[in-house]
Amino acid sequence: MYGCVGNPICCPPQYCVRDTFTPRIIPVIQPVVTVNRQNIVDVPQPFVQQVTRNVTVDRGFANTGNFGFGNAGGFGNAGFGNAGAFGSSNRLFMR
């Protein structure tokens, strides 16, 4: 062959691969669980119990001028709540 001397060299074959894809459906089951939760939350609800008490006040000595509605130290004056007006003789406000 055209003046070639010896045996010819044989190379390994080269491959050209043409990939084609054919879809195949495979069922995949994915379970979904819906959970309805009811959360109970404690909420305080105050109830008011009204108590009415009848209190008898020992007024001490009569006509001393420390008690009444117009005397010094009575209701509406600067002495209301002081020890001389109600604090010393009224059992409801004793300390």
PDB file of N, CA and C in Angstrom:
ATOM      1  N   MET A   1       0.834  -1.175   0.000  1.00  0.00           N
ATOM      2  CA  MET A   1       0.000   0.000   0.000  1.00  0.00           C
ATOM      3  C   MET A   1       0.882   1.242   0.000  1.00  0.00           C
ATOM      4  N   TYR A   2       0.967   1.741  -1.015  1.00  0.00           N
ATOM      5  CA  TYR A   2       1.708   2.966  -1.256  1.00  0.00           C
ATOM      6  C   TYR A   2       3.101   2.934  -0.628  1.00  0.00           C
ATOM      7  N   GLY A   3       3.683   1.906  -0.668  1.00  0.00           N
ATOM      8  CA  GLY A   3       5.049   1.782  -0.221  1.00  0.00           C
ATOM      9  C   GLY A   3       5.196   1.626   1.266  1.00  0.00           C
ATOM     10  N   CYS A   4       4.136   1.240   2.004  1.00  0.00           N
ATOM     11  CA  CYS A   4       4.208   1.039   3.455  1.00  0.00           C
ATOM     12  C   CYS A   4       4.839  -0.314   3.695  1.00  0.00           C
ATOM     13  N   VAL A   5       5.679  -0.327   4.636  1.00  0.00           N
ATOM     14  CA  VAL A   5       6.338  -1.572   4.964  1.00  0.00           C
ATOM     15  C   VAL A   5       5.885  -1.984   6.349  1.00  0.00           C
ATOM     16  N   GLY A   6       5.558  -3.174   6.600  1.00  0.00           N
ATOM     17  CA  GLY A   6       5.183  -3.700   7.899  1.00  0.00           C
ATOM     18  C   GLY A   6       3.685  -3.802   8.048  1.00  0.00           C
ATOM     19  N   ASN A   7       3.311  -4.121   9.263  1.00  0.00           N
ATOM     20  CA  ASN A   7       1.881  -4.315   9.580  1.00  0.00           C
ATOM     21  C   ASN A   7       1.205  -2.962   9.871  1.00  0.00           C
ATOM     22  N   PRO A   8      -0.046  -2.821   9.493  1.00  0.00           N
ATOM     23  CA  PRO A   8      -0.743  -1.557   9.812  1.00  0.00           C
ATOM     24  C   PRO A   8      -1.078  -1.474  11.313  1.00  0.00           C
ATOM     25  N   ILE A   9      -1.182  -0.269  11.843  1.00  0.00           N
ATOM     26  CA  ILE A   9      -1.508  -0.034  13.264  1.00  0.00           C
ATOM     27  C   ILE A   9      -3.022   0.100  13.372  1.00  0.00           C
ATOM     28  N   CYS A  10      -3.610  -0.708  14.237  1.00  0.00           N
ATOM     29  CA  CYS A  10      -5.071  -0.640  14.480  1.00  0.00           C
ATOM     30  C   CYS A  10      -5.321   0.073  15.798  1.00  0.00           C
ATOM     31  N   CYS A  11      -6.034   1.157  15.779  1.00  0.00           N
ATOM     32  CA  CYS A  11      -6.401   1.918  16.999  1.00  0.00           C
ATOM     33  C   CYS A  11      -7.716   1.385  17.535  1.00  0.00           C
ATOM     34  N   PRO A  12      -7.939   1.549  18.852  1.00  0.00           N
ATOM     35  CA  PRO A  12      -9.234   1.143  19.397  1.00  0.00           C
ATOM     36  C   PRO A  12     -10.334   2.055  18.858  1.00  0.00           C
ATOM     37  N   PRO A  13     -11.540   1.543  18.772  1.00  0.00           N
ATOM     38  CA  PRO A  13     -12.607   2.361  18.182  1.00  0.00           C
ATOM     39  C   PRO A  13     -13.010   3.531  19.082  1.00  0.00           C
ATOM     40  N   GLN A  14     -13.432   4.620  18.505  1.00  0.00           N
ATOM     41  CA  GLN A  14     -13.977   5.766  19.233  1.00  0.00           C
ATOM     42  C   GLN A  14     -15.488   5.681  19.164  1.00  0.00           C
ATOM     43  N   TYR A  15     -16.107   5.985  20.293  1.00  0.00           N
ATOM     44  CA  TYR A  15     -17.564   5.856  20.371  1.00  0.00           C
ATOM     45  C   TYR A  15     -18.191   7.249  20.419  1.00  0.00           C
ATOM     46  N   CYS A  16     -19.204   7.439  19.697  1.00  0.00           N
ATOM     47  CA  CYS A  16     -20.025   8.647  19.751  1.00  0.00           C
ATOM     48  C   CYS A  16     -21.395   8.200  20.236  1.00  0.00           C
ATOM     49  N   VAL A  17     -21.746   8.619  21.452  1.00  0.00           N
ATOM     50  CA  VAL A  17     -22.992   8.158  22.079  1.00  0.00           C
ATOM     51  C   VAL A  17     -24.035   9.252  21.933  1.00  0.00           C
ATOM     52  N   ARG A  18     -25.184   8.911  21.438  1.00  0.00           N
ATOM     53  CA  ARG A  18     -26.317   9.825  21.356  1.00  0.00           C
ATOM     54  C   ARG A  18     -27.344   9.363  22.378  1.00  0.00           C
ATOM     55  N   ASP A  19     -27.461  10.158  23.481  1.00  0.00           N
ATOM     56  CA  ASP A  19     -28.410   9.811  24.549  1.00  0.00           C
ATOM     57  C   ASP A  19     -29.784  10.361  24.200  1.00  0.00           C
ATOM     58  N   THR A  20     -30.759   9.543  24.324  1.00  0.00           N
ATOM     59  CA  THR A  20     -32.156   9.960  24.203  1.00  0.00           C
ATOM     60  C   THR A  20     -32.871   9.535  25.476  1.00  0.00           C
ATOM     61  N   PHE A  21     -33.878  10.323  25.865  1.00  0.00           N
ATOM     62  CA  PHE A  21     -34.590  10.053  27.116  1.00  0.00           C
ATOM     63  C   PHE A  21     -36.057   9.824  26.811  1.00  0.00           C
ATOM     64  N   THR A  22     -36.593   8.800  27.415  1.00  0.00           N
ATOM     65  CA  THR A  22     -38.007   8.483  27.291  1.00  0.00           C
ATOM     66  C   THR A  22     -38.608   8.543  28.691  1.00  0.00           C
ATOM     67  N   PRO A  23     -39.587   9.429  28.931  1.00  0.00           N
ATOM     68  CA  PRO A  23     -40.150   9.542  30.290  1.00  0.00           C
ATOM     69  C   PRO A  23     -40.957   8.308  30.666  1.00  0.00           C
ATOM     70  N   ARG A  24     -40.774   7.881  31.892  1.00  0.00           N
ATOM     71  CA  ARG A  24     -41.534   6.771  32.443  1.00  0.00           C
ATOM     72  C   ARG A  24     -42.116   7.252  33.767  1.00  0.00           C
ATOM     73  N   ILE A  25     -43.408   7.216  33.923  1.00  0.00           N
ATOM     74  CA  ILE A  25     -44.081   7.731  35.117  1.00  0.00           C
ATOM     75  C   ILE A  25     -44.024   6.675  36.214  1.00  0.00           C
ATOM     76  N   ILE A  26     -43.496   7.090  37.354  1.00  0.00           N
ATOM     77  CA  ILE A  26     -43.435   6.230  38.531  1.00  0.00           C
ATOM     78  C   ILE A  26     -44.241   6.924  39.623  1.00  0.00           C
ATOM     79  N   PRO A  27     -45.291   6.301  40.133  1.00  0.00           N
ATOM     80  CA  PRO A  27     -46.105   6.958  41.171  1.00  0.00           C
ATOM     81  C   PRO A  27     -45.343   7.055  42.496  1.00  0.00           C
ATOM     82  N   VAL A  28     -45.331   8.268  43.051  1.00  0.00           N
ATOM     83  CA  VAL A  28     -44.718   8.530  44.355  1.00  0.00           C
ATOM     84  C   VAL A  28     -45.822   9.052  45.255  1.00  0.00           C
ATOM     85  N   ILE A  29     -46.076   8.354  46.339  1.00  0.00           N
ATOM     86  CA  ILE A  29     -47.160   8.724  47.253  1.00  0.00           C
ATOM     87  C   ILE A  29     -46.567   9.557  48.388  1.00  0.00           C
ATOM     88  N   GLN A  30     -47.053  10.793  48.519  1.00  0.00           N
ATOM     89  CA  GLN A  30     -46.624  11.686  49.593  1.00  0.00           C
ATOM     90  C   GLN A  30     -47.837  11.998  50.454  1.00  0.00           C
ATOM     91  N   PRO A  31     -47.952  11.359  51.618  1.00  0.00           N
ATOM     92  CA  PRO A  31     -49.125  11.633  52.461  1.00  0.00           C
ATOM     93  C   PRO A  31     -49.022  13.014  53.120  1.00  0.00           C
ATOM     94  N   VAL A  32     -50.139  13.717  53.166  1.00  0.00           N
ATOM     95  CA  VAL A  32     -50.238  15.014  53.827  1.00  0.00           C
ATOM     96  C   VAL A  32     -51.290  14.881  54.908  1.00  0.00           C
ATOM     97  N   VAL A  33     -50.890  15.153  56.141  1.00  0.00           N
ATOM     98  CA  VAL A  33     -51.790  15.041  57.283  1.00  0.00           C
ATOM     99  C   VAL A  33     -52.106  16.452  57.762  1.00  0.00           C
ATOM    100  N   THR A  34     -53.380  16.797  57.798  1.00  0.00           N
ATOM    101  CA  THR A  34     -53.820  18.081  58.325  1.00  0.00           C
ATOM    102  C   THR A  34     -54.285  17.868  59.754  1.00  0.00           C
ATOM    103  N   VAL A  35     -53.652  18.585  60.686  1.00  0.00           N
ATOM    104  CA  VAL A  35     -53.967  18.451  62.102  1.00  0.00           C
ATOM    105  C   VAL A  35     -54.668  19.725  62.545  1.00  0.00           C
ATOM    106  N   ASN A  36     -55.901  19.591  63.009  1.00  0.00           N
ATOM    107  CA  ASN A  36     -56.640  20.722  63.564  1.00  0.00           C
ATOM    108  C   ASN A  36     -56.445  20.706  65.070  1.00  0.00           C
ATOM    109  N   ARG A  37     -55.687  21.671  65.566  1.00  0.00           N
ATOM    110  CA  ARG A  37     -55.408  21.729  66.996  1.00  0.00           C
ATOM    111  C   ARG A  37     -56.211  22.861  67.622  1.00  0.00           C
ATOM    112  N   GLN A  38     -56.754  22.587  68.780  1.00  0.00           N
ATOM    113  CA  GLN A  38     -57.451  23.612  69.552  1.00  0.00           C
ATOM    114  C   GLN A  38     -56.670  23.789  70.840  1.00  0.00           C
ATOM    115  N   ASN A  39     -56.009  24.933  70.950  1.00  0.00           N
ATOM    116  CA  ASN A  39     -55.193  25.220  72.118  1.00  0.00           C
ATOM    117  C   ASN A  39     -56.047  25.944  73.144  1.00  0.00           C
ATOM    118  N   ILE A  40     -56.038  25.447  74.358  1.00  0.00           N
ATOM    119  CA  ILE A  40     -56.817  26.047  75.437  1.00  0.00           C
ATOM    120  C   ILE A  40     -55.889  26.946  76.237  1.00  0.00           C
ATOM    121  N   VAL A  41     -56.278  28.209  76.351  1.00  0.00           N
ATOM    122  CA  VAL A  41     -55.497  29.199  77.071  1.00  0.00           C
ATOM    123  C   VAL A  41     -56.334  29.693  78.240  1.00  0.00           C
ATOM    124  N   ASP A  42     -55.742  29.684  79.433  1.00  0.00           N
ATOM    125  CA  ASP A  42     -56.444  30.175  80.616  1.00  0.00           C
ATOM    126  C   ASP A  42     -56.447  31.702  80.609  1.00  0.00           C
ATOM    127  N   VAL A  43     -57.633  32.281  80.639  1.00  0.00           N
ATOM    128  CA  VAL A  43     -57.799  33.729  80.689  1.00  0.00           C
ATOM    129  C   VAL A  43     -58.568  34.044  81.965  1.00  0.00           C
ATOM    130  N   PRO A  44     -57.963  34.808  82.874  1.00  0.00           N
ATOM    131  CA  PRO A  44     -58.666  35.109  84.121  1.00  0.00           C
ATOM    132  C   PRO A  44     -59.870  36.020  83.880  1.00  0.00           C
ATOM    133  N   GLN A  45     -60.973  35.679  84.508  1.00  0.00           N
ATOM    134  CA  GLN A  45     -62.175  36.498  84.441  1.00  0.00           C
ATOM    135  C   GLN A  45     -62.537  36.875  85.872  1.00  0.00           C
ATOM    136  N   PRO A  46     -62.275  38.115  86.246  1.00  0.00           N
ATOM    137  CA  PRO A  46     -62.527  38.491  87.638  1.00  0.00           C
ATOM    138  C   PRO A  46     -64.023  38.655  87.914  1.00  0.00           C
ATOM    139  N   PHE A  47     -64.431  38.171  89.051  1.00  0.00           N
ATOM    140  CA  PHE A  47     -65.788  38.359  89.542  1.00  0.00           C
ATOM    141  C   PHE A  47     -65.694  39.181  90.820  1.00  0.00           C
ATOM    142  N   VAL A  48     -66.519  40.192  90.922  1.00  0.00           N
ATOM    143  CA  VAL A  48     -66.509  41.064  92.086  1.00  0.00           C
ATOM    144  C   VAL A  48     -67.691  40.694  92.957  1.00  0.00           C
ATOM    145  N   GLN A  49     -67.400  40.380  94.199  1.00  0.00           N
ATOM    146  CA  GLN A  49     -68.457  40.065  95.152  1.00  0.00           C
ATOM    147  C   GLN A  49     -68.591  41.262  96.080  1.00  0.00           C
ATOM    148  N   GLN A  50     -69.731  41.890  96.023  1.00  0.00           N
ATOM    149  CA  GLN A  50     -69.953  43.080  96.820  1.00  0.00           C
ATOM    150  C   GLN A  50     -70.466  42.681  98.191  1.00  0.00           C
ATOM    151  N   VAL A  51     -69.853  43.257  99.202  1.00  0.00           N
ATOM    152  CA  VAL A  51     -70.237  42.983 100.582  1.00  0.00           C
ATOM    153  C   VAL A  51     -70.646  44.306 101.212  1.00  0.00           C
ATOM    154  N   THR A  52     -71.802  44.329 101.823  1.00  0.00           N
ATOM    155  CA  THR A  52     -72.275  45.515 102.531  1.00  0.00           C
ATOM    156  C   THR A  52     -72.262  45.205 104.015  1.00  0.00           C
ATOM    157  N   ARG A  53     -71.624  46.072 104.773  1.00  0.00           N
ATOM    158  CA  ARG A  53     -71.539  45.864 106.218  1.00  0.00           C
ATOM    159  C   ARG A  53     -72.152  47.063 106.926  1.00  0.00           C
ATOM    160  N   ASN A  54     -72.889  46.792 107.957  1.00  0.00           N
ATOM    161  CA  ASN A  54     -73.409  47.841 108.824  1.00  0.00           C
ATOM    162  C   ASN A  54     -72.486  47.926 110.026  1.00  0.00           C
ATOM    163  N   VAL A  55     -71.869  49.089 110.207  1.00  0.00           N
ATOM    164  CA  VAL A  55     -70.896  49.282 111.270  1.00  0.00           C
ATOM    165  C   VAL A  55     -71.464  50.299 112.243  1.00  0.00           C
ATOM    166  N   THR A  56     -71.436  49.948 113.497  1.00  0.00           N
ATOM    167  CA  THR A  56     -71.850  50.876 114.545  1.00  0.00           C
ATOM    168  C   THR A  56     -70.605  51.546 115.093  1.00  0.00           C
ATOM    169  N   VAL A  57     -70.613  52.889 115.077  1.00  0.00           N
ATOM    170  CA  VAL A  57     -69.456  53.648 115.516  1.00  0.00           C
ATOM    171  C   VAL A  57     -69.752  54.208 116.894  1.00  0.00           C
ATOM    172  N   ASP A  58     -68.853  53.930 117.827  1.00  0.00           N
ATOM    173  CA  ASP A  58     -68.973  54.508 119.167  1.00  0.00           C
ATOM    174  C   ASP A  58     -68.395  55.913 119.096  1.00  0.00           C
ATOM    175  N   ARG A  59     -69.251  56.913 119.256  1.00  0.00           N
ATOM    176  CA  ARG A  59     -68.827  58.295 119.068  1.00  0.00           C
ATOM    177  C   ARG A  59     -68.162  58.861 120.302  1.00  0.00           C
ATOM    178  N   GLY A  60     -68.038  58.102 121.324  1.00  0.00           N
ATOM    179  CA  GLY A  60     -67.373  58.613 122.521  1.00  0.00           C
ATOM    180  C   GLY A  60     -68.318  59.505 123.313  1.00  0.00           C
ATOM    181  N   PHE A  61     -67.806  60.610 123.811  1.00  0.00           N
ATOM    182  CA  PHE A  61     -68.612  61.542 124.590  1.00  0.00           C
ATOM    183  C   PHE A  61     -69.428  62.428 123.663  1.00  0.00           C
ATOM    184  N   ALA A  62     -70.633  62.750 124.047  1.00  0.00           N
ATOM    185  CA  ALA A  62     -71.525  63.563 123.228  1.00  0.00           C
ATOM    186  C   ALA A  62     -71.138  65.029 123.321  1.00  0.00           C
ATOM    187  N   ASN A  63     -71.290  65.767 122.212  1.00  0.00           N
ATOM    188  CA  ASN A  63     -71.096  67.216 122.118  1.00  0.00           C
ATOM    189  C   ASN A  63     -69.701  67.659 122.546  1.00  0.00           C
ATOM    190  N   THR A  64     -68.658  66.990 122.084  1.00  0.00           N
ATOM    191  CA  THR A  64     -67.297  67.435 122.413  1.00  0.00           C
ATOM    192  C   THR A  64     -66.751  68.394 121.369  1.00  0.00           C
ATOM    193  N   GLY A  65     -67.417  68.485 120.220  1.00  0.00           N
ATOM    194  CA  GLY A  65     -66.946  69.397 119.185  1.00  0.00           C
ATOM    195  C   GLY A  65     -65.979  68.748 118.204  1.00  0.00           C
ATOM    196  N   ASN A  66     -65.576  67.512 118.434  1.00  0.00           N
ATOM    197  CA  ASN A  66     -64.654  66.846 117.514  1.00  0.00           C
ATOM    198  C   ASN A  66     -65.385  66.122 116.392  1.00  0.00           C
ATOM    199  N   PHE A  67     -66.718  65.995 116.486  1.00  0.00           N
ATOM    200  CA  PHE A  67     -67.451  65.231 115.490  1.00  0.00           C
ATOM    201  C   PHE A  67     -68.569  66.083 114.935  1.00  0.00           C
ATOM    202  N   GLY A  68     -69.151  65.658 113.865  1.00  0.00           N
ATOM    203  CA  GLY A  68     -70.270  66.371 113.277  1.00  0.00           C
ATOM    204  C   GLY A  68     -69.930  66.826 111.879  1.00  0.00           C
ATOM    205  N   PHE A  69     -70.811  67.631 111.302  1.00  0.00           N
ATOM    206  CA  PHE A  69     -70.658  68.026 109.913  1.00  0.00           C
ATOM    207  C   PHE A  69     -70.241  69.477 109.756  1.00  0.00           C
ATOM    208  N   GLY A  70     -70.116  70.238 110.793  1.00  0.00           N
ATOM    209  CA  GLY A  70     -69.707  71.624 110.625  1.00  0.00           C
ATOM    210  C   GLY A  70     -68.695  72.052 111.653  1.00  0.00           C
ATOM    211  N   ASN A  71     -68.405  71.213 112.576  1.00  0.00           N
ATOM    212  CA  ASN A  71     -67.455  71.573 113.626  1.00  0.00           C
ATOM    213  C   ASN A  71     -66.017  71.476 113.105  1.00  0.00           C
ATOM    214  N   ALA A  72     -65.110  72.014 113.866  1.00  0.00           N
ATOM    215  CA  ALA A  72     -63.693  71.920 113.498  1.00  0.00           C
ATOM    216  C   ALA A  72     -63.271  70.456 113.547  1.00  0.00           C
ATOM    217  N   GLY A  73     -62.698  69.995 112.481  1.00  0.00           N
ATOM    218  CA  GLY A  73     -62.274  68.594 112.434  1.00  0.00           C
ATOM    219  C   GLY A  73     -63.354  67.664 111.925  1.00  0.00           C
ATOM    220  N   GLY A  74     -64.503  68.185 111.465  1.00  0.00           N
ATOM    221  CA  GLY A  74     -65.575  67.336 110.954  1.00  0.00           C
ATOM    222  C   GLY A  74     -65.404  67.069 109.469  1.00  0.00           C
ATOM    223  N   PHE A  75     -66.484  66.648 108.810  1.00  0.00           N
ATOM    224  CA  PHE A  75     -66.424  66.373 107.374  1.00  0.00           C
ATOM    225  C   PHE A  75     -66.192  67.666 106.605  1.00  0.00           C
ATOM    226  N   GLY A  76     -65.375  67.614 105.592  1.00  0.00           N
ATOM    227  CA  GLY A  76     -65.146  68.760 104.725  1.00  0.00           C
ATOM    228  C   GLY A  76     -64.086  69.708 105.219  1.00  0.00           C
ATOM    229  N   ASN A  77     -63.533  69.507 106.362  1.00  0.00           N
ATOM    230  CA  ASN A  77     -62.505  70.402 106.891  1.00  0.00           C
ATOM    231  C   ASN A  77     -61.143  69.721 106.816  1.00  0.00           C
ATOM    232  N   ALA A  78     -60.124  70.471 107.175  1.00  0.00           N
ATOM    233  CA  ALA A  78     -58.762  69.945 107.085  1.00  0.00           C
ATOM    234  C   ALA A  78     -58.514  68.838 108.097  1.00  0.00           C
ATOM    235  N   GLY A  79     -59.349  68.724 109.098  1.00  0.00           N
ATOM    236  CA  GLY A  79     -59.117  67.729 110.138  1.00  0.00           C
ATOM    237  C   GLY A  79     -59.630  66.346 109.799  1.00  0.00           C
ATOM    238  N   PHE A  80     -60.279  66.162 108.632  1.00  0.00           N
ATOM    239  CA  PHE A  80     -60.834  64.850 108.293  1.00  0.00           C
ATOM    240  C   PHE A  80     -59.705  63.855 108.062  1.00  0.00           C
ATOM    241  N   GLY A  81     -59.752  62.734 108.759  1.00  0.00           N
ATOM    242  CA  GLY A  81     -58.741  61.702 108.618  1.00  0.00           C
ATOM    243  C   GLY A  81     -57.607  61.831 109.603  1.00  0.00           C
ATOM    244  N   ASN A  82     -57.519  62.926 110.325  1.00  0.00           N
ATOM    245  CA  ASN A  82     -56.470  63.067 111.330  1.00  0.00           C
ATOM    246  C   ASN A  82     -56.850  62.290 112.580  1.00  0.00           C
ATOM    247  N   ALA A  83     -55.905  62.132 113.455  1.00  0.00           N
ATOM    248  CA  ALA A  83     -56.158  61.359 114.670  1.00  0.00           C
ATOM    249  C   ALA A  83     -57.171  62.055 115.568  1.00  0.00           C
ATOM    250  N   GLY A  84     -57.249  63.380 115.516  1.00  0.00           N
ATOM    251  CA  GLY A  84     -58.182  64.088 116.373  1.00  0.00           C
ATOM    252  C   GLY A  84     -59.609  64.029 115.872  1.00  0.00           C
ATOM    253  N   ALA A  85     -59.812  63.840 114.572  1.00  0.00           N
ATOM    254  CA  ALA A  85     -61.160  63.880 114.031  1.00  0.00           C
ATOM    255  C   ALA A  85     -61.846  62.521 114.106  1.00  0.00           C
ATOM    256  N   PHE A  86     -61.342  61.538 113.394  1.00  0.00           N
ATOM    257  CA  PHE A  86     -61.996  60.237 113.361  1.00  0.00           C
ATOM    258  C   PHE A  86     -61.057  59.109 113.756  1.00  0.00           C
ATOM    259  N   GLY A  87     -59.757  59.292 113.620  1.00  0.00           N
ATOM    260  CA  GLY A  87     -58.816  58.195 113.775  1.00  0.00           C
ATOM    261  C   GLY A  87     -58.740  57.631 115.181  1.00  0.00           C
ATOM    262  N   SER A  88     -58.995  58.437 116.193  1.00  0.00           N
ATOM    263  CA  SER A  88     -58.796  57.930 117.547  1.00  0.00           C
ATOM    264  C   SER A  88     -60.036  57.243 118.095  1.00  0.00           C
ATOM    265  N   SER A  89     -61.223  57.617 117.623  1.00  0.00           N
ATOM    266  CA  SER A  89     -62.412  57.049 118.237  1.00  0.00           C
ATOM    267  C   SER A  89     -63.224  56.171 117.287  1.00  0.00           C
ATOM    268  N   ASN A  90     -62.972  56.216 116.002  1.00  0.00           N
ATOM    269  CA  ASN A  90     -63.741  55.417 115.073  1.00  0.00           C
ATOM    270  C   ASN A  90     -63.092  54.045 114.959  1.00  0.00           C
ATOM    271  N   ARG A  91     -63.830  53.007 115.289  1.00  0.00           N
ATOM    272  CA  ARG A  91     -63.260  51.656 115.297  1.00  0.00           C
ATOM    273  C   ARG A  91     -62.955  51.152 113.888  1.00  0.00           C
ATOM    274  N   LEU A  92     -63.595  51.718 112.903  1.00  0.00           N
ATOM    275  CA  LEU A  92     -63.369  51.284 111.528  1.00  0.00           C
ATOM    276  C   LEU A  92     -62.000  51.728 111.014  1.00  0.00           C
ATOM    277  N   PHE A  93     -61.484  52.856 111.530  1.00  0.00           N
ATOM    278  CA  PHE A  93     -60.225  53.411 111.049  1.00  0.00           C
ATOM    279  C   PHE A  93     -59.114  53.353 112.088  1.00  0.00           C
ATOM    280  N   MET A  94     -59.197  52.481 113.061  1.00  0.00           N
ATOM    281  CA  MET A  94     -58.156  52.432 114.102  1.00  0.00           C
ATOM    282  C   MET A  94     -56.901  51.777 113.561  1.00  0.00           C
ATOM    283  N   ARG A  95     -55.771  52.225 114.057  1.00  0.00           N
ATOM    284  CA  ARG A  95     -54.485  51.664 113.616  1.00  0.00           C
ATOM    285  C   ARG A  95     -53.956  50.703 114.642  1.00  0.00           C
TER     286      ARG A  95
END
